[in-house]
Structures are given as C-alpha cells and as structure tokens.
C-alpha cells in the first residue's frame, strides 16, 4: 500500500492521531518490532501513557481478538489506530472504531468500498483518516467486484420502532395467537436462556436484536458480521464490542470464548463445516456453542433436518440440548408476515472431529 494513503509520512497531529504508525512499522528484513519508535516526544512508552486516554476497546477484548489467518496477536488493538497489525500476516483496517478482521482485508475493502462508506456516513463516523485507510486497502485488490452488505432487515429491525398492527381479517385470531406464542418461544429467547456468562461472541449479529438480549453485566459481549453497517448498528444499541469478521475464520484466540452464538446464520455460509472447525478452536473446553437455523438441512437437497446436528457432531461437538419448530416471525408490513420454524442446538466441544476422505460439497445458494 502507498505510504501517503495511511499518513506514515505526516508530520503534524497529536500523539493519539499518529501512534498507530508506531504499531504498523516493523523491521524491513524480518518484520520484527522496532524499539525506540515514539508517536511523539510526550509519549512515555508504547502501551502506557498513549494507550489509556484513547482506548476504544476494553482490555478483555484486546486479549481475545487475534489475526484471522494465523491466530497471532494484533498490535494496535484498543487504541485510536487506523490499522492493527499482525507481525506475520500484515495490517488490517479499523473503520469507525471497528477492526476489519477478515482473511483478505484488501479484497473486503475493495468489494464493499461504497457500502462501507455509506455505513460510516450513516453512523456519523466518516473521517478523512477512515476514507484514506479504506481507499489504501481497496487499491491493493484491483479487479474485485463491488457488492453491497446483505443486511436483510425489516424496517422495525433496523430502527427499533414498533411493528405496525396486522390488517384485520378472517385470519386475525389465529395470527394473534401465533404472535403471542412467538413472543415467548422464539429462537432468540431459547438461545439467550442458554448463553453462558463470561466472554461470548455472536456471529451474524444483523440488526442487533439478539445482542441486546445477550448484553449483561456478567457477560463480556463481542458481536461480529461481514457487514460493517450491522456491526456499527449493533455496537451502538447493545454497547458490545464490534468486529467485522468471517464466521468461517473467527479472529479470536484459541480457547478464549465461553460462549459462541450463531442465530439463523449457519445455513447462509458457503462452508458450515469451516465454521464448526473455527468454533471448536475458539471455545473453551467448558464452553457452549448455540446455533439455530430455519434450514437445518443446510439447503442441501440430499440432506434431511438432522444434517445440522450430524455436521456438528462430525466436527467434535456433543448435542447438550435441542429444540425444533421454534417460531421465528418477521413482520415486514401490516400485510406481510414471514413465518419460519427454526431448529436450535446447544453444543459442547471436546470430542475429536471425524476426518472425512473428501470435503463437503459446496452447497448451492
């Protein structure tokens, strides 16, 4: 990437605005840390005086997050840095205070360039530094096809507003009863009641409804999604620590999570098996993986509804609890109500995964 695009050659600015450059720079021969680099003359030492006033992330989160490629430590996390850096794999951008910890950050920035700018503008987080950082990473991946974030939210989910009353008619009484059941037996509530205390990561946080329920004084909550808009929105409303991530390459240290929640997302992944493998690595031996899906056959015409549980078991998990037919209702308007019957599993890690001779075929979406 161009030096000018991330401000390495700048001479002005305060300690907080330039200390990220100290974290980024490394030895040109081996990539090792350089002793003596200072963000400004007023800095006492890297990680003491400069860190605390501008901390963007609590210490526990800094200790949990890691490189999505190698699992190594990330220099610059928790500070006002525009990038964080893995000594082995290189830099990752930070946009609107959210680290983008995906295996190919340059391709992500190029693919979602316009979408990321829109998300930053919506959150009131557009700065020249953020735009320059996004542009620098995007320039490193020429030819990437542009795409939008797949934020499939209803207006009520996006804004938190009350859903409009359904149009009254012959089905009104039956729909009222269904809405009442769904309010007390939804997949989100089933997962919430089984979520452990400690450090919990929710992947596929979407509009943030489940994160708001998971937020607790006894729970340190991370939320992640491939959508920067989703992460910014969820972090704002739940006060959780947000990270842009790929659920198939979780950017957390091994055995660092007490709980992992994936509500209605696993059937949308290109490689659900990779998710379970990453989850097994990330969870503590006594941890809990909570998953739900309206398509437990994983959208594979050759599989039945037991496919989700079989895949989890093949990847080393044990089913502790399960439920099926949980009503997930999404009201798009006064005349449009989606009804999904969801399967939910509570899983514990520990069993060695079963190795297969050939990988799982990529499913059609």
Protein backbone atom coordinates (compact mmCIF):
# COMPACT_ATOMS: atom_id res chain seq x y z
CA UNK A 1 0.00 0.00 0.00
CA UNK A 2 1.07 3.59 -0.59
CA UNK A 3 2.71 5.23 2.42
CA UNK A 4 0.89 8.51 1.82
CA UNK A 5 -2.50 6.82 1.92
CA UNK A 6 -2.14 5.89 5.56
CA UNK A 7 -0.33 9.01 6.64
CA UNK A 8 3.03 7.48 7.51
CA UNK A 9 4.84 10.49 6.13
CA UNK A 10 2.78 13.04 8.07
CA UNK A 11 4.47 15.44 10.47
CA UNK A 12 1.53 17.03 12.24
CA UNK A 13 -1.06 15.72 14.68
CA UNK A 14 -1.22 14.66 18.26
CA UNK A 15 0.12 11.58 19.93
CA UNK A 16 -3.25 9.79 19.58
CA UNK A 17 -3.55 10.55 15.87
CA UNK A 18 -0.13 9.09 15.00
CA UNK A 19 0.62 6.31 17.48
CA UNK A 20 -0.98 3.76 15.10
CA UNK A 21 2.00 4.31 12.79
CA UNK A 22 4.27 3.08 15.58
CA UNK A 23 2.24 -0.11 15.75
CA UNK A 24 2.35 -0.60 11.97
CA UNK A 25 6.06 -0.13 11.30
CA UNK A 26 8.32 -3.15 11.50
CA UNK A 27 11.83 -4.24 10.54
CA UNK A 28 12.17 -4.31 6.71
CA UNK A 29 14.15 -7.55 6.93
CA UNK A 30 12.28 -9.75 9.38
CA UNK A 31 9.14 -7.78 10.25
CA UNK A 32 10.08 -7.58 13.92
CA UNK A 33 9.19 -4.74 16.31
CA UNK A 34 11.38 -1.62 16.34
CA UNK A 35 12.45 -0.42 19.79
CA UNK A 36 12.51 3.34 20.29
CA UNK A 37 9.74 4.34 17.89
CA UNK A 38 7.60 7.00 19.50
CA UNK A 39 4.35 8.60 18.43
CA UNK A 40 5.54 11.93 19.86
CA UNK A 41 8.06 13.29 22.33
CA UNK A 42 5.39 13.41 25.00
CA UNK A 43 4.83 9.67 24.93
CA UNK A 44 6.18 7.88 27.97
CA UNK A 45 6.10 4.44 26.40
CA UNK A 46 4.10 2.43 23.93
CA UNK A 47 1.15 0.89 25.74
CA UNK A 48 1.14 3.13 28.80
CA UNK A 49 0.66 6.90 28.53
CA UNK A 50 -0.68 6.91 24.96
CA UNK A 51 -2.99 3.92 25.25
CA UNK A 52 -5.26 4.84 28.09
CA UNK A 53 -6.82 8.21 27.09
CA UNK A 54 -7.79 6.99 23.61
CA UNK A 55 -8.76 3.40 24.35
CA UNK A 56 -11.56 2.29 22.00
CA UNK A 57 -11.81 -1.27 23.26
CA UNK A 58 -11.80 -2.85 26.73
CA UNK A 59 -8.75 -4.81 27.76
CA UNK A 60 -10.56 -8.17 27.75
CA UNK A 61 -11.46 -7.73 24.08
CA UNK A 62 -7.89 -6.85 23.16
CA UNK A 63 -6.79 -10.09 24.78
CA UNK A 64 -9.41 -12.16 22.92
CA UNK A 65 -9.18 -10.86 19.33
CA UNK A 66 -6.43 -12.16 17.07
CA UNK A 67 -5.33 -12.45 13.45
CA UNK A 68 -7.94 -14.34 11.38
CA UNK A 69 -5.20 -16.02 9.36
CA UNK A 70 -2.67 -17.29 11.88
CA UNK A 71 -4.27 -16.55 15.26
CA UNK A 72 -1.39 -14.29 16.25
CA UNK A 73 -1.51 -11.13 18.35
CA UNK A 74 -2.58 -7.82 16.79
CA UNK A 75 -0.60 -4.70 17.61
CA UNK A 76 -2.69 -1.55 17.93
CA UNK A 77 -5.96 -3.09 19.13
CA UNK A 78 -7.83 -0.93 21.58
CA UNK A 79 -6.12 2.30 20.53
CA UNK A 80 -7.11 5.06 18.11
CA UNK A 81 -5.04 3.36 15.41
CA UNK A 82 -6.27 3.41 11.80
CA UNK A 83 -4.88 -0.09 11.34
CA UNK A 84 -3.91 -3.03 13.50
CA UNK A 85 -1.11 -5.34 12.54
CA UNK A 86 -0.21 -9.00 12.78
CA UNK A 87 3.56 -9.42 12.72
CA UNK A 88 3.23 -12.41 10.39
CA UNK A 89 0.25 -11.56 8.17
CA UNK A 90 0.35 -7.76 7.96
CA UNK A 91 -2.15 -4.95 8.58
CA UNK A 92 -5.93 -4.89 8.96
CA UNK A 93 -8.01 -1.70 8.72
CA UNK A 94 -10.02 -0.10 11.52
CA UNK A 95 -13.10 1.77 10.27
CA UNK A 96 -15.30 3.79 12.60
CA UNK A 97 -13.50 2.20 15.53
CA UNK A 98 -14.32 -1.31 14.25
CA UNK A 99 -11.43 -3.61 13.28
CA UNK A 100 -11.98 -5.44 9.98
CA UNK A 101 -10.52 -8.84 10.82
CA UNK A 102 -11.19 -10.93 7.72
CA UNK A 103 -8.62 -13.18 5.99
CA UNK A 104 -8.44 -10.89 2.94
CA UNK A 105 -8.94 -7.31 4.22
CA UNK A 106 -7.91 -5.67 0.94
CA UNK A 107 -10.48 -7.65 -1.03
CA UNK A 108 -13.16 -6.89 1.58
CA UNK A 109 -12.41 -3.15 1.30
CA UNK A 110 -12.47 -3.26 -2.50
CA UNK A 111 -15.67 -5.31 -2.63
CA UNK A 112 -17.58 -3.27 -0.06
CA UNK A 113 -15.94 0.13 -0.63
CA UNK A 114 -19.15 2.07 -1.36
CA UNK A 115 -21.15 0.08 1.18
CA UNK A 116 -18.56 0.76 3.88
CA UNK A 117 -18.56 4.50 3.14
CA UNK A 118 -22.35 4.53 3.37
CA UNK A 119 -22.23 2.65 6.68
CA UNK A 120 -19.69 5.09 8.09
CA UNK A 121 -21.80 8.04 6.95
CA UNK A 122 -24.94 6.53 8.49
CA UNK A 123 -23.08 6.11 11.78
CA UNK A 124 -21.58 9.60 11.65
CA UNK A 125 -18.08 8.12 11.52
CA UNK A 126 -16.74 9.39 8.20
CA UNK A 127 -13.30 10.94 8.69
CA UNK A 128 -10.50 11.67 6.25
CA UNK A 129 -8.40 9.03 8.00
CA UNK A 130 -11.11 6.38 7.61
CA UNK A 131 -11.59 7.20 3.92
CA UNK A 132 -7.83 7.13 3.27
CA UNK A 133 -7.46 3.81 5.08
CA UNK A 134 -10.36 2.23 3.21
CA UNK A 135 -9.04 3.52 -0.12
CA UNK A 136 -5.50 2.28 0.56
CA UNK A 137 -6.65 -1.26 1.28
CA UNK A 138 -9.09 -1.26 -1.66
CA UNK A 139 -6.31 -0.17 -4.04
CA UNK A 140 -4.38 -3.30 -3.07
CA UNK A 141 -7.12 -5.53 -4.55
CA UNK A 142 -7.81 -4.26 -8.07
CA UNK A 143 -10.50 -6.03 -10.06
CA UNK A 144 -12.71 -7.01 -7.10
CA UNK A 145 -16.42 -7.00 -7.93
CA UNK A 146 -18.36 -4.39 -5.98
CA UNK A 147 -21.13 -5.61 -3.67
CA UNK A 148 -23.49 -4.34 -1.01
CA UNK A 149 -23.85 -5.66 2.52
CA UNK A 150 -26.59 -8.29 2.69
CA UNK A 151 -28.49 -6.54 5.51
CA UNK A 152 -31.87 -8.21 5.17
CA UNK A 153 -33.64 -6.25 7.90
CA UNK A 154 -37.24 -5.21 8.26
CA UNK A 155 -37.83 -1.52 8.99
CA UNK A 156 -38.67 -2.35 12.60
CA UNK A 157 -35.48 -4.40 13.00
CA UNK A 158 -33.39 -1.59 11.52
CA UNK A 159 -34.86 1.24 13.58
CA UNK A 160 -36.20 -0.45 16.70
CA UNK A 161 -39.65 1.03 16.02
CA UNK A 162 -42.83 -0.82 16.90
CA UNK A 163 -44.14 -3.11 14.19
CA UNK A 164 -47.42 -1.97 12.60
CA UNK A 165 -50.62 -3.77 13.51
CA UNK A 166 -51.55 -6.54 11.11
CA UNK A 167 -54.52 -5.94 8.86
CA UNK A 168 -57.60 -7.42 10.45
CA UNK A 169 -59.44 -10.20 8.64
CA UNK A 170 -60.53 -13.87 8.84
CA UNK A 171 -57.06 -14.97 9.97
CA UNK A 172 -56.66 -12.33 12.68
CA UNK A 173 -57.41 -14.53 15.69
CA UNK A 174 -55.06 -17.28 14.52
CA UNK A 175 -52.31 -14.75 13.77
CA UNK A 176 -52.73 -13.08 17.16
CA UNK A 177 -52.24 -16.45 18.85
CA UNK A 178 -49.17 -17.16 16.71
CA UNK A 179 -47.66 -13.77 17.58
CA UNK A 180 -48.25 -14.46 21.29
CA UNK A 181 -46.53 -17.85 21.09
CA UNK A 182 -43.61 -16.42 19.12
CA UNK A 183 -43.12 -13.68 21.72
CA UNK A 184 -42.44 -16.29 24.42
CA UNK A 185 -40.88 -19.18 22.50
CA UNK A 186 -38.72 -17.57 19.82
CA UNK A 187 -35.31 -18.95 18.80
CA UNK A 188 -33.68 -15.80 20.19
CA UNK A 189 -35.11 -16.42 23.66
CA UNK A 190 -34.15 -20.10 23.54
CA UNK A 191 -30.55 -19.14 22.76
CA UNK A 192 -30.49 -16.31 25.30
CA UNK A 193 -31.60 -18.55 28.16
CA UNK A 194 -28.74 -20.98 27.42
CA UNK A 195 -25.97 -18.45 26.81
CA UNK A 196 -23.20 -18.74 29.41
CA UNK A 197 -21.63 -15.93 31.39
CA UNK A 198 -18.11 -14.79 30.57
CA UNK A 199 -16.81 -13.91 27.11
CA UNK A 200 -19.44 -14.50 24.43
CA UNK A 201 -19.24 -13.84 20.68
CA UNK A 202 -22.32 -13.51 18.49
CA UNK A 203 -21.64 -14.03 14.78
CA UNK A 204 -24.08 -12.73 12.21
CA UNK A 205 -25.33 -10.02 14.58
CA UNK A 206 -27.53 -8.41 11.92
CA UNK A 207 -29.70 -5.60 13.27
CA UNK A 208 -28.63 -6.36 16.85
CA UNK A 209 -31.86 -7.69 18.37
CA UNK A 210 -30.24 -10.79 19.89
CA UNK A 211 -27.19 -8.84 21.08
CA UNK A 212 -29.46 -6.51 23.03
CA UNK A 213 -30.86 -9.55 24.85
CA UNK A 214 -27.41 -11.05 25.44
CA UNK A 215 -25.98 -7.85 26.93
CA UNK A 216 -25.38 -8.40 30.64
CA UNK A 217 -23.09 -7.19 33.41
CA UNK A 218 -21.96 -10.79 33.83
CA UNK A 219 -21.21 -11.19 30.15
CA UNK A 220 -18.42 -9.66 28.04
CA UNK A 221 -20.04 -9.48 24.61
CA UNK A 222 -18.40 -9.41 21.18
CA UNK A 223 -20.56 -9.02 18.07
CA UNK A 224 -19.42 -9.75 14.54
CA UNK A 225 -20.73 -9.72 10.99
CA UNK A 226 -19.36 -9.36 7.47
CA UNK A 227 -21.39 -6.14 7.30
CA UNK A 228 -19.78 -3.04 8.79
CA UNK A 229 -23.24 -1.46 8.94
CA UNK A 230 -24.54 -4.33 11.05
CA UNK A 231 -21.61 -4.16 13.45
CA UNK A 232 -21.82 -0.38 13.87
CA UNK A 233 -25.58 -0.54 14.43
CA UNK A 234 -25.38 -3.43 16.90
CA UNK A 235 -22.48 -1.95 18.86
CA UNK A 236 -24.35 1.33 19.22
CA UNK A 237 -27.51 -0.24 20.63
CA UNK A 238 -26.03 -3.05 22.73
CA UNK A 239 -22.70 -1.45 23.80
CA UNK A 240 -21.00 -4.66 22.73
CA UNK A 241 -17.52 -4.69 21.18
CA UNK A 242 -17.87 -4.95 17.42
CA UNK A 243 -15.67 -6.58 14.79
CA UNK A 244 -16.11 -7.25 11.09
CA UNK A 245 -15.35 -10.93 10.60
CA UNK A 246 -15.79 -14.06 8.54
CA UNK A 247 -17.63 -16.71 10.56
CA UNK A 248 -15.56 -19.38 8.81
CA UNK A 249 -12.27 -17.85 10.09
CA UNK A 250 -13.03 -16.48 13.55
CA UNK A 251 -10.47 -13.82 14.63
CA UNK A 252 -10.19 -14.91 18.26
CA UNK A 253 -7.50 -16.69 20.24
CA UNK A 254 -7.78 -20.41 20.82
CA UNK A 255 -9.90 -21.39 23.85
CA UNK A 256 -10.77 -17.73 24.52
CA UNK A 257 -14.59 -17.90 24.36
CA UNK A 258 -17.03 -19.13 26.97
CA UNK A 259 -19.89 -18.92 24.50
CA UNK A 260 -20.49 -18.58 20.77
CA UNK A 261 -23.92 -17.72 19.34
CA UNK A 262 -24.95 -18.08 15.68
CA UNK A 263 -28.65 -17.36 15.26
CA UNK A 264 -30.14 -18.22 11.86
CA UNK A 265 -26.86 -17.74 10.01
CA UNK A 266 -25.15 -21.09 9.52
CA UNK A 267 -27.28 -22.15 6.55
CA UNK A 268 -26.16 -18.98 4.74
CA UNK A 269 -22.45 -19.81 4.96
CA UNK A 270 -20.53 -21.19 2.00
CA UNK A 271 -18.78 -23.68 4.26
CA UNK A 272 -20.64 -24.51 7.51
CA UNK A 273 -18.04 -27.14 8.34
CA UNK A 274 -15.34 -24.44 8.41
CA UNK A 275 -17.47 -22.53 10.92
CA UNK A 276 -17.74 -25.53 13.24
CA UNK A 277 -14.00 -26.12 12.95
CA UNK A 278 -13.27 -22.50 13.82
CA UNK A 279 -15.77 -22.65 16.70
CA UNK A 280 -14.13 -25.76 18.16
CA UNK A 281 -10.80 -23.93 18.19
CA UNK A 282 -12.21 -20.74 19.71
CA UNK A 283 -14.27 -22.22 22.54
CA UNK A 284 -13.00 -23.11 25.97
CA UNK A 285 -13.29 -26.81 26.81
CA UNK A 286 -16.26 -25.97 29.04
CA UNK A 287 -17.75 -23.53 26.54
CA UNK A 288 -21.09 -23.61 24.73
CA UNK A 289 -21.93 -23.22 21.06
CA UNK A 290 -25.52 -22.12 20.37
CA UNK A 291 -26.81 -22.34 16.82
CA UNK A 292 -30.20 -22.06 15.18
CA UNK A 293 -31.38 -22.37 11.60
CA UNK A 294 -34.64 -22.29 9.65
CA UNK A 295 -32.92 -24.65 7.19
CA UNK A 296 -31.28 -27.41 9.26
CA UNK A 297 -30.79 -29.40 6.07
CA UNK A 298 -28.30 -26.64 5.17
CA UNK A 299 -30.08 -26.04 1.86
CA UNK A 300 -28.76 -29.34 0.53
CA UNK A 301 -31.48 -31.32 -1.31
CA UNK A 302 -29.76 -34.59 -0.37
CA UNK A 303 -29.85 -33.85 3.39
CA UNK A 304 -32.63 -34.07 5.97
CA UNK A 305 -33.30 -31.91 9.03
CA UNK A 306 -30.76 -33.86 11.09
CA UNK A 307 -27.91 -32.60 8.87
CA UNK A 308 -27.03 -29.69 11.15
CA UNK A 309 -26.63 -31.89 14.23
CA UNK A 310 -24.69 -34.52 12.26
CA UNK A 311 -22.26 -31.93 10.95
CA UNK A 312 -21.72 -30.51 14.45
CA UNK A 313 -21.03 -33.99 15.83
CA UNK A 314 -18.67 -34.81 12.99
CA UNK A 315 -16.70 -31.67 13.91
CA UNK A 316 -16.31 -32.80 17.52
CA UNK A 317 -19.36 -31.31 19.25
CA UNK A 318 -21.86 -33.01 21.53
CA UNK A 319 -25.52 -32.04 21.49
CA UNK A 320 -26.49 -30.93 25.03
CA UNK A 321 -29.95 -29.64 24.24
CA UNK A 322 -32.15 -29.13 21.20
CA UNK A 323 -35.49 -27.74 20.11
CA UNK A 324 -37.35 -27.76 16.82
CA UNK A 325 -40.29 -25.87 15.38
CA UNK A 326 -39.49 -22.66 17.28
CA UNK A 327 -41.49 -19.84 15.62
CA UNK A 328 -39.42 -17.02 14.11
CA UNK A 329 -41.70 -14.26 12.86
CA UNK A 330 -40.57 -11.29 10.79
CA UNK A 331 -43.21 -8.66 10.12
CA UNK A 332 -42.36 -6.58 7.06
CA UNK A 333 -45.59 -4.56 6.96
CA UNK A 334 -49.20 -4.67 8.09
CA UNK A 335 -49.85 -7.23 5.30
CA UNK A 336 -46.63 -9.20 5.08
CA UNK A 337 -45.59 -11.62 7.82
CA UNK A 338 -42.79 -14.17 7.38
CA UNK A 339 -43.10 -17.34 9.46
CA UNK A 340 -40.15 -19.69 9.88
CA UNK A 341 -39.96 -22.83 12.02
CA UNK A 342 -36.45 -22.97 13.43
CA UNK A 343 -34.25 -25.72 14.83
CA UNK A 344 -31.90 -24.78 17.70
CA UNK A 345 -28.98 -26.68 19.21
CA UNK A 346 -26.86 -26.21 22.33
CA UNK A 347 -23.48 -27.86 21.76
CA UNK A 348 -20.37 -28.55 23.79
CA UNK A 349 -16.88 -29.08 22.32
CA UNK A 350 -14.44 -31.77 23.27
CA UNK A 351 -14.75 -34.80 21.02
CA UNK A 352 -12.10 -35.19 18.31
CA UNK A 353 -13.51 -34.35 14.87
CA UNK A 354 -14.21 -37.12 12.38
CA UNK A 355 -11.98 -36.85 9.32
CA UNK A 356 -13.66 -37.46 6.02
CA UNK A 357 -11.97 -38.71 2.86
CA UNK A 358 -13.46 -35.89 0.83
CA UNK A 359 -14.70 -32.46 1.81
CA UNK A 360 -18.33 -31.46 1.94
CA UNK A 361 -19.65 -30.37 -1.42
CA UNK A 362 -20.24 -26.66 -1.73
CA UNK A 363 -23.97 -26.13 -1.48
CA UNK A 364 -26.00 -24.10 -3.91
CA UNK A 365 -27.44 -20.88 -2.50
